[in-house]
Amino acid sequence: MILFLTFLAANHFFPQYVQIDGWPTMILATVLFYVAEYIIAFVLVLAMMGVISLSLLTDSVSVGQVLAIIALVVALCFVGMISILVLSKYLPGFWVSGKMTAFILALIPSLLSAKVTTSNRD
């Protein structure tokens, strides 16, 4: 729901950066965003787990293991941006002006959902 509202607000207030043609495209973009996000995240986690498991064959913790974990965390931070860029390229009626716009568009729902989750714990 937060992502849908973010798409709606971006389309309304910043049409020079985000353009979504109609409600059906907005709903489809929201659903496909989550599907693309889970697929990309799953592939990244599998790839990095393979790297980490291969590096665990040695007995000691190496710099490679630490770098692999850091790379996984950084890559997972950009999964939302990648998902939006994929949608922008392949979904007719959904357009985002660039990578920075996609990053901000993916960051806003993440921050808002983190705030909602934190406030629900209180």
PDB file of N, CA and C in Angstrom:
ATOM      1  N   MET A   1       0.821  -1.191   0.000  1.00  0.00           N
ATOM      2  CA  MET A   1       0.000   0.000   0.000  1.00  0.00           C
ATOM      3  C   MET A   1       0.869   1.262   0.000  1.00  0.00           C
ATOM      4  N   ILE A   2       1.965   1.229   0.759  1.00  0.00           N
ATOM      5  CA  ILE A   2       2.847   2.384   0.827  1.00  0.00           C
ATOM      6  C   ILE A   2       3.485   2.637  -0.536  1.00  0.00           C
ATOM      7  N   LEU A   3       3.884   1.580  -1.231  1.00  0.00           N
ATOM      8  CA  LEU A   3       4.481   1.736  -2.554  1.00  0.00           C
ATOM      9  C   LEU A   3       3.468   2.317  -3.534  1.00  0.00           C
ATOM     10  N   PHE A   4       2.237   1.846  -3.481  1.00  0.00           N
ATOM     11  CA  PHE A   4       1.183   2.366  -4.347  1.00  0.00           C
ATOM     12  C   PHE A   4       0.989   3.860  -4.107  1.00  0.00           C
ATOM     13  N   LEU A   5       0.935   4.271  -2.849  1.00  0.00           N
ATOM     14  CA  LEU A   5       0.769   5.687  -2.527  1.00  0.00           C
ATOM     15  C   LEU A   5       1.993   6.509  -2.952  1.00  0.00           C
ATOM     16  N   THR A   6       3.174   5.904  -2.866  1.00  0.00           N
ATOM     17  CA  THR A   6       4.384   6.581  -3.325  1.00  0.00           C
ATOM     18  C   THR A   6       4.339   6.795  -4.834  1.00  0.00           C
ATOM     19  N   PHE A   7       3.924   5.761  -5.570  1.00  0.00           N
ATOM     20  CA  PHE A   7       3.777   5.896  -7.020  1.00  0.00           C
ATOM     21  C   PHE A   7       2.741   6.977  -7.354  1.00  0.00           C
ATOM     22  N   LEU A   8       1.634   6.968  -6.630  1.00  0.00           N
ATOM     23  CA  LEU A   8       0.568   7.935  -6.859  1.00  0.00           C
ATOM     24  C   LEU A   8       1.065   9.360  -6.613  1.00  0.00           C
ATOM     25  N   ALA A   9       1.743   9.576  -5.503  1.00  0.00           N
ATOM     26  CA  ALA A   9       2.250  10.913  -5.176  1.00  0.00           C
ATOM     27  C   ALA A   9       3.326  11.357  -6.166  1.00  0.00           C
ATOM     28  N   ALA A  10       4.222  10.466  -6.541  1.00  0.00           N
ATOM     29  CA  ALA A  10       5.281  10.821  -7.493  1.00  0.00           C
ATOM     30  C   ALA A  10       4.690  11.177  -8.843  1.00  0.00           C
ATOM     31  N   ASN A  11       3.702  10.426  -9.270  1.00  0.00           N
ATOM     32  CA  ASN A  11       3.043  10.692 -10.547  1.00  0.00           C
ATOM     33  C   ASN A  11       2.308  12.032 -10.516  1.00  0.00           C
ATOM     34  N   HIS A  12       1.712  12.357  -9.384  1.00  0.00           N
ATOM     35  CA  HIS A  12       0.935  13.590  -9.270  1.00  0.00           C
ATOM     36  C   HIS A  12       1.820  14.832  -9.078  1.00  0.00           C
ATOM     37  N   PHE A  13       2.787  14.745  -8.168  1.00  0.00           N
ATOM     38  CA  PHE A  13       3.586  15.923  -7.817  1.00  0.00           C
ATOM     39  C   PHE A  13       4.844  16.101  -8.671  1.00  0.00           C
ATOM     40  N   PHE A  14       5.357  15.027  -9.246  1.00  0.00           N
ATOM     41  CA  PHE A  14       6.595  15.109 -10.024  1.00  0.00           C
ATOM     42  C   PHE A  14       6.438  14.442 -11.391  1.00  0.00           C
ATOM     43  N   PRO A  15       5.513  14.933 -12.215  1.00  0.00           N
ATOM     44  CA  PRO A  15       5.274  14.279 -13.512  1.00  0.00           C
ATOM     45  C   PRO A  15       6.452  14.387 -14.470  1.00  0.00           C
ATOM     46  N   GLN A  16       7.373  15.318 -14.215  1.00  0.00           N
ATOM     47  CA  GLN A  16       8.550  15.419 -15.072  1.00  0.00           C
ATOM     48  C   GLN A  16       9.549  14.294 -14.800  1.00  0.00           C
ATOM     49  N   TYR A  17       9.419  13.602 -13.661  1.00  0.00           N
ATOM     50  CA  TYR A  17      10.321  12.515 -13.305  1.00  0.00           C
ATOM     51  C   TYR A  17       9.657  11.140 -13.353  1.00  0.00           C
ATOM     52  N   VAL A  18       8.372  11.082 -13.034  1.00  0.00           N
ATOM     53  CA  VAL A  18       7.647   9.808 -12.988  1.00  0.00           C
ATOM     54  C   VAL A  18       6.324   9.986 -13.728  1.00  0.00           C
ATOM     55  N   GLN A  19       6.068   9.102 -14.684  1.00  0.00           N
ATOM     56  CA  GLN A  19       4.793   9.134 -15.401  1.00  0.00           C
ATOM     57  C   GLN A  19       4.194   7.739 -15.412  1.00  0.00           C
ATOM     58  N   ILE A  20       2.965   7.657 -14.926  1.00  0.00           N
ATOM     59  CA  ILE A  20       2.239   6.387 -14.906  1.00  0.00           C
ATOM     60  C   ILE A  20       0.891   6.644 -15.565  1.00  0.00           C
ATOM     61  N   ASP A  21       0.599   5.895 -16.619  1.00  0.00           N
ATOM     62  CA  ASP A  21      -0.621   6.106 -17.397  1.00  0.00           C
ATOM     63  C   ASP A  21      -1.791   5.312 -16.825  1.00  0.00           C
ATOM     64  N   GLY A  22      -2.525   5.918 -15.911  1.00  0.00           N
ATOM     65  CA  GLY A  22      -3.769   5.334 -15.426  1.00  0.00           C
ATOM     66  C   GLY A  22      -3.627   4.404 -14.235  1.00  0.00           C
ATOM     67  N   TRP A  23      -4.783   4.118 -13.636  1.00  0.00           N
ATOM     68  CA  TRP A  23      -4.850   3.264 -12.449  1.00  0.00           C
ATOM     69  C   TRP A  23      -4.429   1.821 -12.721  1.00  0.00           C
ATOM     70  N   PRO A  24      -4.865   1.217 -13.828  1.00  0.00           N
ATOM     71  CA  PRO A  24      -4.452  -0.172 -14.051  1.00  0.00           C
ATOM     72  C   PRO A  24      -2.931  -0.327 -14.143  1.00  0.00           C
ATOM     73  N   THR A  25      -2.274   0.629 -14.788  1.00  0.00           N
ATOM     74  CA  THR A  25      -0.813   0.578 -14.881  1.00  0.00           C
ATOM     75  C   THR A  25      -0.176   0.762 -13.514  1.00  0.00           C
ATOM     76  N   MET A  26      -0.752   1.631 -12.697  1.00  0.00           N
ATOM     77  CA  MET A  26      -0.203   1.865 -11.360  1.00  0.00           C
ATOM     78  C   MET A  26      -0.343   0.623 -10.477  1.00  0.00           C
ATOM     79  N   ILE A  27      -1.487  -0.032 -10.555  1.00  0.00           N
ATOM     80  CA  ILE A  27      -1.699  -1.258  -9.773  1.00  0.00           C
ATOM     81  C   ILE A  27      -0.761  -2.362 -10.271  1.00  0.00           C
ATOM     82  N   LEU A  28      -0.671  -2.503 -11.594  1.00  0.00           N
ATOM     83  CA  LEU A  28       0.210  -3.514 -12.173  1.00  0.00           C
ATOM     84  C   LEU A  28       1.665  -3.227 -11.836  1.00  0.00           C
ATOM     85  N   ALA A  29       2.064  -1.962 -11.857  1.00  0.00           N
ATOM     86  CA  ALA A  29       3.441  -1.590 -11.509  1.00  0.00           C
ATOM     87  C   ALA A  29       3.755  -1.951 -10.061  1.00  0.00           C
ATOM     88  N   THR A  30       2.791  -1.734  -9.171  1.00  0.00           N
ATOM     89  CA  THR A  30       3.000  -2.070  -7.759  1.00  0.00           C
ATOM     90  C   THR A  30       3.178  -3.573  -7.572  1.00  0.00           C
ATOM     91  N   VAL A  31       2.319  -4.354  -8.201  1.00  0.00           N
ATOM     92  CA  VAL A  31       2.405  -5.815  -8.079  1.00  0.00           C
ATOM     93  C   VAL A  31       3.702  -6.335  -8.711  1.00  0.00           C
ATOM     94  N   LEU A  32       3.993  -5.854  -9.921  1.00  0.00           N
ATOM     95  CA  LEU A  32       5.206  -6.317 -10.605  1.00  0.00           C
ATOM     96  C   LEU A  32       6.477  -5.860  -9.905  1.00  0.00           C
ATOM     97  N   PHE A  33       6.424  -4.707  -9.225  1.00  0.00           N
ATOM     98  CA  PHE A  33       7.586  -4.257  -8.457  1.00  0.00           C
ATOM     99  C   PHE A  33       7.947  -5.291  -7.396  1.00  0.00           C
ATOM    100  N   TYR A  34       6.943  -5.745  -6.651  1.00  0.00           N
ATOM    101  CA  TYR A  34       7.222  -6.722  -5.596  1.00  0.00           C
ATOM    102  C   TYR A  34       7.686  -8.055  -6.178  1.00  0.00           C
ATOM    103  N   VAL A  35       7.104  -8.473  -7.294  1.00  0.00           N
ATOM    104  CA  VAL A  35       7.541  -9.715  -7.933  1.00  0.00           C
ATOM    105  C   VAL A  35       8.993  -9.588  -8.395  1.00  0.00           C
ATOM    106  N   ALA A  36       9.312  -8.488  -9.082  1.00  0.00           N
ATOM    107  CA  ALA A  36      10.681  -8.271  -9.564  1.00  0.00           C
ATOM    108  C   ALA A  36      11.656  -8.151  -8.391  1.00  0.00           C
ATOM    109  N   GLU A  37      11.236  -7.470  -7.340  1.00  0.00           N
ATOM    110  CA  GLU A  37      12.098  -7.299  -6.174  1.00  0.00           C
ATOM    111  C   GLU A  37      12.442  -8.648  -5.536  1.00  0.00           C
ATOM    112  N   TYR A  38      11.455  -9.514  -5.388  1.00  0.00           N
ATOM    113  CA  TYR A  38      11.713 -10.819  -4.781  1.00  0.00           C
ATOM    114  C   TYR A  38      12.572 -11.700  -5.680  1.00  0.00           C
ATOM    115  N   ILE A  39      12.354 -11.641  -6.987  1.00  0.00           N
ATOM    116  CA  ILE A  39      13.169 -12.449  -7.902  1.00  0.00           C
ATOM    117  C   ILE A  39      14.618 -11.981  -7.891  1.00  0.00           C
ATOM    118  N   ILE A  40      14.833 -10.672  -8.003  1.00  0.00           N
ATOM    119  CA  ILE A  40      16.198 -10.145  -8.010  1.00  0.00           C
ATOM    120  C   ILE A  40      16.885 -10.412  -6.679  1.00  0.00           C
ATOM    121  N   ALA A  41      16.180 -10.203  -5.576  1.00  0.00           N
ATOM    122  CA  ALA A  41      16.771 -10.459  -4.259  1.00  0.00           C
ATOM    123  C   ALA A  41      17.120 -11.938  -4.090  1.00  0.00           C
ATOM    124  N   PHE A  42      16.245 -12.815  -4.568  1.00  0.00           N
ATOM    125  CA  PHE A  42      16.495 -14.250  -4.462  1.00  0.00           C
ATOM    126  C   PHE A  42      17.747 -14.650  -5.245  1.00  0.00           C
ATOM    127  N   VAL A  43      17.870 -14.136  -6.469  1.00  0.00           N
ATOM    128  CA  VAL A  43      19.050 -14.448  -7.283  1.00  0.00           C
ATOM    129  C   VAL A  43      20.317 -13.903  -6.637  1.00  0.00           C
ATOM    130  N   LEU A  44      20.263 -12.677  -6.109  1.00  0.00           N
ATOM    131  CA  LEU A  44      21.436 -12.104  -5.449  1.00  0.00           C
ATOM    132  C   LEU A  44      21.841 -12.912  -4.220  1.00  0.00           C
ATOM    133  N   VAL A  45      20.862 -13.279  -3.420  1.00  0.00           N
ATOM    134  CA  VAL A  45      21.172 -14.052  -2.207  1.00  0.00           C
ATOM    135  C   VAL A  45      21.761 -15.413  -2.573  1.00  0.00           C
ATOM    136  N   LEU A  46      21.192 -16.078  -3.580  1.00  0.00           N
ATOM    137  CA  LEU A  46      21.747 -17.366  -4.007  1.00  0.00           C
ATOM    138  C   LEU A  46      23.177 -17.231  -4.505  1.00  0.00           C
ATOM    139  N   ALA A  47      23.424 -16.219  -5.316  1.00  0.00           N
ATOM    140  CA  ALA A  47      24.778 -16.020  -5.837  1.00  0.00           C
ATOM    141  C   ALA A  47      25.772 -15.739  -4.717  1.00  0.00           C
ATOM    142  N   MET A  48      25.384 -14.874  -3.803  1.00  0.00           N
ATOM    143  CA  MET A  48      26.310 -14.530  -2.722  1.00  0.00           C
ATOM    144  C   MET A  48      26.464 -15.675  -1.721  1.00  0.00           C
ATOM    145  N   MET A  49      25.422 -16.459  -1.515  1.00  0.00           N
ATOM    146  CA  MET A  49      25.559 -17.613  -0.619  1.00  0.00           C
ATOM    147  C   MET A  49      26.507 -18.638  -1.230  1.00  0.00           C
ATOM    148  N   GLY A  50      26.482 -18.762  -2.555  1.00  0.00           N
ATOM    149  CA  GLY A  50      27.442 -19.641  -3.220  1.00  0.00           C
ATOM    150  C   GLY A  50      28.863 -19.165  -2.999  1.00  0.00           C
ATOM    151  N   VAL A  51      29.080 -17.871  -3.128  1.00  0.00           N
ATOM    152  CA  VAL A  51      30.425 -17.315  -2.910  1.00  0.00           C
ATOM    153  C   VAL A  51      30.847 -17.516  -1.463  1.00  0.00           C
ATOM    154  N   ILE A  52      29.946 -17.241  -0.545  1.00  0.00           N
ATOM    155  CA  ILE A  52      30.278 -17.383   0.875  1.00  0.00           C
ATOM    156  C   ILE A  52      30.529 -18.845   1.232  1.00  0.00           C
ATOM    157  N   SER A  53      29.701 -19.765   0.719  1.00  0.00           N
ATOM    158  CA  SER A  53      29.898 -21.180   1.044  1.00  0.00           C
ATOM    159  C   SER A  53      31.196 -21.711   0.453  1.00  0.00           C
ATOM    160  N   LEU A  54      31.577 -21.239  -0.722  1.00  0.00           N
ATOM    161  CA  LEU A  54      32.872 -21.647  -1.276  1.00  0.00           C
ATOM    162  C   LEU A  54      34.026 -21.097  -0.451  1.00  0.00           C
ATOM    163  N   SER A  55      33.863 -19.881   0.053  1.00  0.00           N
ATOM    164  CA  SER A  55      34.942 -19.314   0.863  1.00  0.00           C
ATOM    165  C   SER A  55      34.995 -19.938   2.252  1.00  0.00           C
ATOM    166  N   LEU A  56      33.916 -20.601   2.684  1.00  0.00           N
ATOM    167  CA  LEU A  56      33.917 -21.249   3.998  1.00  0.00           C
ATOM    168  C   LEU A  56      34.664 -22.589   4.001  1.00  0.00           C
ATOM    169  N   LEU A  57      35.058 -23.038   2.824  1.00  0.00           N
ATOM    170  CA  LEU A  57      35.809 -24.284   2.763  1.00  0.00           C
ATOM    171  C   LEU A  57      37.161 -24.158   3.458  1.00  0.00           C
ATOM    172  N   THR A  58      37.623 -22.927   3.591  1.00  0.00           N
ATOM    173  CA  THR A  58      38.840 -22.711   4.366  1.00  0.00           C
ATOM    174  C   THR A  58      38.472 -22.625   5.840  1.00  0.00           C
ATOM    175  N   ASP A  59      39.441 -22.835   6.696  1.00  0.00           N
ATOM    176  CA  ASP A  59      39.161 -22.880   8.135  1.00  0.00           C
ATOM    177  C   ASP A  59      39.055 -21.504   8.790  1.00  0.00           C
ATOM    178  N   SER A  60      39.655 -20.501   8.226  1.00  0.00           N
ATOM    179  CA  SER A  60      39.655 -19.196   8.879  1.00  0.00           C
ATOM    180  C   SER A  60      38.784 -18.205   8.103  1.00  0.00           C
ATOM    181  N   VAL A  61      38.398 -17.167   8.801  1.00  0.00           N
ATOM    182  CA  VAL A  61      37.609 -16.113   8.165  1.00  0.00           C
ATOM    183  C   VAL A  61      38.555 -15.261   7.332  1.00  0.00           C
ATOM    184  N   SER A  62      38.195 -15.066   6.087  1.00  0.00           N
ATOM    185  CA  SER A  62      39.077 -14.314   5.203  1.00  0.00           C
ATOM    186  C   SER A  62      38.455 -12.975   4.833  1.00  0.00           C
ATOM    187  N   VAL A  63      39.259 -12.164   4.211  1.00  0.00           N
ATOM    188  CA  VAL A  63      38.793 -10.870   3.749  1.00  0.00           C
ATOM    189  C   VAL A  63      37.715 -11.070   2.683  1.00  0.00           C
ATOM    190  N   GLY A  64      37.834 -12.125   1.892  1.00  0.00           N
ATOM    191  CA  GLY A  64      36.860 -12.422   0.854  1.00  0.00           C
ATOM    192  C   GLY A  64      35.470 -12.669   1.422  1.00  0.00           C
ATOM    193  N   GLN A  65      35.397 -13.366   2.548  1.00  0.00           N
ATOM    194  CA  GLN A  65      34.106 -13.621   3.182  1.00  0.00           C
ATOM    195  C   GLN A  65      33.467 -12.319   3.652  1.00  0.00           C
ATOM    196  N   VAL A  66      34.259 -11.484   4.269  1.00  0.00           N
ATOM    197  CA  VAL A  66      33.750 -10.210   4.762  1.00  0.00           C
ATOM    198  C   VAL A  66      33.294  -9.334   3.592  1.00  0.00           C
ATOM    199  N   LEU A  67      34.095  -9.287   2.535  1.00  0.00           N
ATOM    200  CA  LEU A  67      33.726  -8.497   1.358  1.00  0.00           C
ATOM    201  C   LEU A  67      32.475  -9.046   0.680  1.00  0.00           C
ATOM    202  N   ALA A  68      32.326 -10.368   0.673  1.00  0.00           N
ATOM    203  CA  ALA A  68      31.135 -10.977   0.072  1.00  0.00           C
ATOM    204  C   ALA A  68      29.881 -10.592   0.850  1.00  0.00           C
ATOM    205  N   ILE A  69      29.959 -10.585   2.155  1.00  0.00           N
ATOM    206  CA  ILE A  69      28.812 -10.199   2.984  1.00  0.00           C
ATOM    207  C   ILE A  69      28.490  -8.718   2.802  1.00  0.00           C
ATOM    208  N   ILE A  70      29.509  -7.877   2.758  1.00  0.00           N
ATOM    209  CA  ILE A  70      29.292  -6.445   2.534  1.00  0.00           C
ATOM    210  C   ILE A  70      28.677  -6.214   1.154  1.00  0.00           C
ATOM    211  N   ALA A  71      29.169  -6.920   0.147  1.00  0.00           N
ATOM    212  CA  ALA A  71      28.624  -6.783  -1.213  1.00  0.00           C
ATOM    213  C   ALA A  71      27.165  -7.214  -1.259  1.00  0.00           C
ATOM    214  N   LEU A  72      26.808  -8.259  -0.527  1.00  0.00           N
ATOM    215  CA  LEU A  72      25.420  -8.715  -0.485  1.00  0.00           C
ATOM    216  C   LEU A  72      24.516  -7.653   0.130  1.00  0.00           C
ATOM    217  N   VAL A  73      24.947  -7.070   1.216  1.00  0.00           N
ATOM    218  CA  VAL A  73      24.138  -6.047   1.882  1.00  0.00           C
ATOM    219  C   VAL A  73      23.959  -4.830   0.973  1.00  0.00           C
ATOM    220  N   VAL A  74      25.034  -4.394   0.335  1.00  0.00           N
ATOM    221  CA  VAL A  74      24.950  -3.242  -0.567  1.00  0.00           C
ATOM    222  C   VAL A  74      24.042  -3.560  -1.754  1.00  0.00           C
ATOM    223  N   ALA A  75      24.187  -4.750  -2.319  1.00  0.00           N
ATOM    224  CA  ALA A  75      23.362  -5.134  -3.466  1.00  0.00           C
ATOM    225  C   ALA A  75      21.885  -5.197  -3.085  1.00  0.00           C
ATOM    226  N   LEU A  76      21.589  -5.706  -1.915  1.00  0.00           N
ATOM    227  CA  LEU A  76      20.187  -5.781  -1.479  1.00  0.00           C
ATOM    228  C   LEU A  76      19.583  -4.394  -1.271  1.00  0.00           C
ATOM    229  N   CYS A  77      20.422  -3.422  -0.949  1.00  0.00           N
ATOM    230  CA  CYS A  77      19.920  -2.058  -0.810  1.00  0.00           C
ATOM    231  C   CYS A  77      19.474  -1.481  -2.153  1.00  0.00           C
ATOM    232  N   PHE A  78      20.060  -1.959  -3.233  1.00  0.00           N
ATOM    233  CA  PHE A  78      19.739  -1.433  -4.551  1.00  0.00           C
ATOM    234  C   PHE A  78      18.725  -2.284  -5.317  1.00  0.00           C
ATOM    235  N   VAL A  79      18.187  -3.307  -4.701  1.00  0.00           N
ATOM    236  CA  VAL A  79      17.219  -4.179  -5.372  1.00  0.00           C
ATOM    237  C   VAL A  79      15.968  -3.402  -5.770  1.00  0.00           C
ATOM    238  N   GLY A  80      15.480  -2.524  -4.910  1.00  0.00           N
ATOM    239  CA  GLY A  80      14.301  -1.727  -5.229  1.00  0.00           C
ATOM    240  C   GLY A  80      14.533  -0.830  -6.430  1.00  0.00           C
ATOM    241  N   MET A  81      15.708  -0.211  -6.481  1.00  0.00           N
ATOM    242  CA  MET A  81      16.035   0.645  -7.612  1.00  0.00           C
ATOM    243  C   MET A  81      16.097  -0.162  -8.906  1.00  0.00           C
ATOM    244  N   ILE A  82      16.713  -1.323  -8.850  1.00  0.00           N
ATOM    245  CA  ILE A  82      16.813  -2.178 -10.033  1.00  0.00           C
ATOM    246  C   ILE A  82      15.416  -2.607 -10.486  1.00  0.00           C
ATOM    247  N   SER A  83      14.555  -2.941  -9.541  1.00  0.00           N
ATOM    248  CA  SER A  83      13.186  -3.344  -9.878  1.00  0.00           C
ATOM    249  C   SER A  83      12.433  -2.223 -10.588  1.00  0.00           C
ATOM    250  N   ILE A  84      12.575  -0.998 -10.110  1.00  0.00           N
ATOM    251  CA  ILE A  84      11.902   0.132 -10.733  1.00  0.00           C
ATOM    252  C   ILE A  84      12.461   0.397 -12.125  1.00  0.00           C
ATOM    253  N   LEU A  85      13.769   0.270 -12.296  1.00  0.00           N
ATOM    254  CA  LEU A  85      14.362   0.466 -13.616  1.00  0.00           C
ATOM    255  C   LEU A  85      13.897  -0.611 -14.602  1.00  0.00           C
ATOM    256  N   VAL A  86      13.754  -1.843 -14.127  1.00  0.00           N
ATOM    257  CA  VAL A  86      13.249  -2.924 -14.983  1.00  0.00           C
ATOM    258  C   VAL A  86      11.802  -2.631 -15.377  1.00  0.00           C
ATOM    259  N   LEU A  87      10.988  -2.192 -14.431  1.00  0.00           N
ATOM    260  CA  LEU A  87       9.603  -1.838 -14.739  1.00  0.00           C
ATOM    261  C   LEU A  87       9.539  -0.695 -15.739  1.00  0.00           C
ATOM    262  N   SER A  88      10.394   0.293 -15.558  1.00  0.00           N
ATOM    263  CA  SER A  88      10.395   1.445 -16.443  1.00  0.00           C
ATOM    264  C   SER A  88      10.741   1.053 -17.877  1.00  0.00           C
ATOM    265  N   LYS A  89      11.586   0.058 -18.004  1.00  0.00           N
ATOM    266  CA  LYS A  89      11.997  -0.373 -19.335  1.00  0.00           C
ATOM    267  C   LYS A  89      10.954  -1.263 -20.008  1.00  0.00           C
ATOM    268  N   TYR A  90      10.321  -2.159 -19.260  1.00  0.00           N
ATOM    269  CA  TYR A  90       9.479  -3.185 -19.868  1.00  0.00           C
ATOM    270  C   TYR A  90       7.977  -3.004 -19.690  1.00  0.00           C
ATOM    271  N   LEU A  91       7.528  -2.132 -18.798  1.00  0.00           N
ATOM    272  CA  LEU A  91       6.095  -1.946 -18.575  1.00  0.00           C
ATOM    273  C   LEU A  91       5.620  -0.707 -19.337  1.00  0.00           C
ATOM    274  N   PRO A  92       4.802  -0.897 -20.365  1.00  0.00           N
ATOM    275  CA  PRO A  92       4.292   0.262 -21.104  1.00  0.00           C
ATOM    276  C   PRO A  92       3.408   1.133 -20.199  1.00  0.00           C
ATOM    277  N   GLY A  93       3.611   2.435 -20.277  1.00  0.00           N
ATOM    278  CA  GLY A  93       2.830   3.353 -19.454  1.00  0.00           C
ATOM    279  C   GLY A  93       3.473   3.682 -18.122  1.00  0.00           C
ATOM    280  N   PHE A  94       4.626   3.096 -17.831  1.00  0.00           N
ATOM    281  CA  PHE A  94       5.361   3.381 -16.592  1.00  0.00           C
ATOM    282  C   PHE A  94       6.729   3.900 -16.991  1.00  0.00           C
ATOM    283  N   TRP A  95       7.019   5.142 -16.609  1.00  0.00           N
ATOM    284  CA  TRP A  95       8.274   5.764 -17.007  1.00  0.00           C
ATOM    285  C   TRP A  95       8.899   6.473 -15.822  1.00  0.00           C
ATOM    286  N   VAL A  96      10.203   6.257 -15.615  1.00  0.00           N
ATOM    287  CA  VAL A  96      10.990   6.930 -14.587  1.00  0.00           C
ATOM    288  C   VAL A  96      12.169   7.575 -15.293  1.00  0.00           C
ATOM    289  N   SER A  97      12.494   8.818 -14.929  1.00  0.00           N
ATOM    290  CA  SER A  97      13.460   9.598 -15.691  1.00  0.00           C
ATOM    291  C   SER A  97      14.907   9.109 -15.585  1.00  0.00           C
ATOM    292  N   GLY A  98      15.290   8.449 -14.512  1.00  0.00           N
ATOM    293  CA  GLY A  98      16.681   8.018 -14.399  1.00  0.00           C
ATOM    294  C   GLY A  98      16.949   7.194 -13.162  1.00  0.00           C
ATOM    295  N   LYS A  99      18.222   6.881 -12.969  1.00  0.00           N
ATOM    296  CA  LYS A  99      18.619   6.014 -11.856  1.00  0.00           C
ATOM    297  C   LYS A  99      18.417   6.681 -10.506  1.00  0.00           C
ATOM    298  N   MET A 100      18.706   7.972 -10.415  1.00  0.00           N
ATOM    299  CA  MET A 100      18.544   8.666  -9.134  1.00  0.00           C
ATOM    300  C   MET A 100      17.061   8.744  -8.753  1.00  0.00           C
ATOM    301  N   THR A 101      16.213   8.985  -9.729  1.00  0.00           N
ATOM    302  CA  THR A 101      14.771   9.005  -9.465  1.00  0.00           C
ATOM    303  C   THR A 101      14.299   7.632  -9.007  1.00  0.00           C
ATOM    304  N   ALA A 102      14.789   6.589  -9.663  1.00  0.00           N
ATOM    305  CA  ALA A 102      14.416   5.222  -9.269  1.00  0.00           C
ATOM    306  C   ALA A 102      14.909   4.920  -7.863  1.00  0.00           C
ATOM    307  N   PHE A 103      16.110   5.370  -7.523  1.00  0.00           N
ATOM    308  CA  PHE A 103      16.651   5.143  -6.182  1.00  0.00           C
ATOM    309  C   PHE A 103      15.783   5.834  -5.120  1.00  0.00           C
ATOM    310  N   ILE A 104      15.434   7.090  -5.371  1.00  0.00           N
ATOM    311  CA  ILE A 104      14.601   7.835  -4.415  1.00  0.00           C
ATOM    312  C   ILE A 104      13.213   7.216  -4.323  1.00  0.00           C
ATOM    313  N   LEU A 105      12.674   6.809  -5.476  1.00  0.00           N
ATOM    314  CA  LEU A 105      11.344   6.200  -5.502  1.00  0.00           C
ATOM    315  C   LEU A 105      11.328   4.867  -4.748  1.00  0.00           C
ATOM    316  N   ALA A 106      12.430   4.142  -4.759  1.00  0.00           N
ATOM    317  CA  ALA A 106      12.514   2.888  -4.010  1.00  0.00           C
ATOM    318  C   ALA A 106      12.833   3.129  -2.534  1.00  0.00           C
ATOM    319  N   LEU A 107      13.542   4.207  -2.252  1.00  0.00           N
ATOM    320  CA  LEU A 107      13.958   4.495  -0.877  1.00  0.00           C
ATOM    321  C   LEU A 107      12.794   4.974  -0.009  1.00  0.00           C
ATOM    322  N   ILE A 108      11.911   5.774  -0.569  1.00  0.00           N
ATOM    323  CA  ILE A 108      10.805   6.346   0.210  1.00  0.00           C
ATOM    324  C   ILE A 108       9.914   5.271   0.838  1.00  0.00           C
ATOM    325  N   PRO A 109       9.427   4.265   0.072  1.00  0.00           N
ATOM    326  CA  PRO A 109       8.607   3.237   0.725  1.00  0.00           C
ATOM    327  C   PRO A 109       9.387   2.429   1.760  1.00  0.00           C
ATOM    328  N   SER A 110      10.681   2.226   1.516  1.00  0.00           N
ATOM    329  CA  SER A 110      11.491   1.487   2.489  1.00  0.00           C
ATOM    330  C   SER A 110      11.568   2.234   3.808  1.00  0.00           C
ATOM    331  N   LEU A 111      11.813   3.528   3.737  1.00  0.00           N
ATOM    332  CA  LEU A 111      11.888   4.327   4.964  1.00  0.00           C
ATOM    333  C   LEU A 111      10.535   4.418   5.663  1.00  0.00           C
ATOM    334  N   LEU A 112       9.474   4.599   4.883  1.00  0.00           N
ATOM    335  CA  LEU A 112       8.142   4.688   5.489  1.00  0.00           C
ATOM    336  C   LEU A 112       7.697   3.370   6.097  1.00  0.00           C
ATOM    337  N   SER A 113       8.004   2.259   5.439  1.00  0.00           N
ATOM    338  CA  SER A 113       7.611   0.967   6.000  1.00  0.00           C
ATOM    339  C   SER A 113       8.438   0.637   7.233  1.00  0.00           C
ATOM    340  N   ALA A 114       9.683   1.073   7.278  1.00  0.00           N
ATOM    341  CA  ALA A 114      10.501   0.877   8.472  1.00  0.00           C
ATOM    342  C   ALA A 114       9.932   1.688   9.638  1.00  0.00           C
ATOM    343  N   LYS A 115       9.468   2.882   9.373  1.00  0.00           N
ATOM    344  CA  LYS A 115       8.864   3.728  10.412  1.00  0.00           C
ATOM    345  C   LYS A 115       7.559   3.114  10.902  1.00  0.00           C
ATOM    346  N   VAL A 116       6.748   2.591   9.997  1.00  0.00           N
ATOM    347  CA  VAL A 116       5.488   1.969  10.391  1.00  0.00           C
ATOM    348  C   VAL A 116       5.749   0.733  11.231  1.00  0.00           C
ATOM    349  N   THR A 117       6.734  -0.085  10.841  1.00  0.00           N
ATOM    350  CA  THR A 117       7.079  -1.279  11.592  1.00  0.00           C
ATOM    351  C   THR A 117       7.595  -0.914  12.976  1.00  0.00           C
ATOM    352  N   THR A 118       8.422   0.127  13.077  1.00  0.00           N
ATOM    353  CA  THR A 118       8.963   0.540  14.352  1.00  0.00           C
ATOM    354  C   THR A 118       7.849   1.065  15.257  1.00  0.00           C
ATOM    355  N   SER A 119       6.920   1.844  14.726  1.00  0.00           N
ATOM    356  CA  SER A 119       5.858   2.397  15.557  1.00  0.00           C
ATOM    357  C   SER A 119       4.871   1.322  15.997  1.00  0.00           C
ATOM    358  N   ASN A 120       4.733   0.243  15.250  1.00  0.00           N
ATOM    359  CA  ASN A 120       3.820  -0.835  15.644  1.00  0.00           C
ATOM    360  C   ASN A 120       4.370  -1.631  16.816  1.00  0.00           C
ATOM    361  N   ARG A 121       5.672  -1.611  17.015  1.00  0.00           N
ATOM    362  CA  ARG A 121       6.268  -2.343  18.139  1.00  0.00           C
ATOM    363  C   ARG A 121       6.055  -1.667  19.470  1.00  0.00           C
ATOM    364  N   ASP A 122       5.826  -0.352  19.446  1.00  0.00           N
ATOM    365  CA  ASP A 122       5.681   0.386  20.705  1.00  0.00           C
ATOM    366  C   ASP A 122       4.401   0.064  21.426  1.00  0.00           C
TER     367      ASP A 122
END
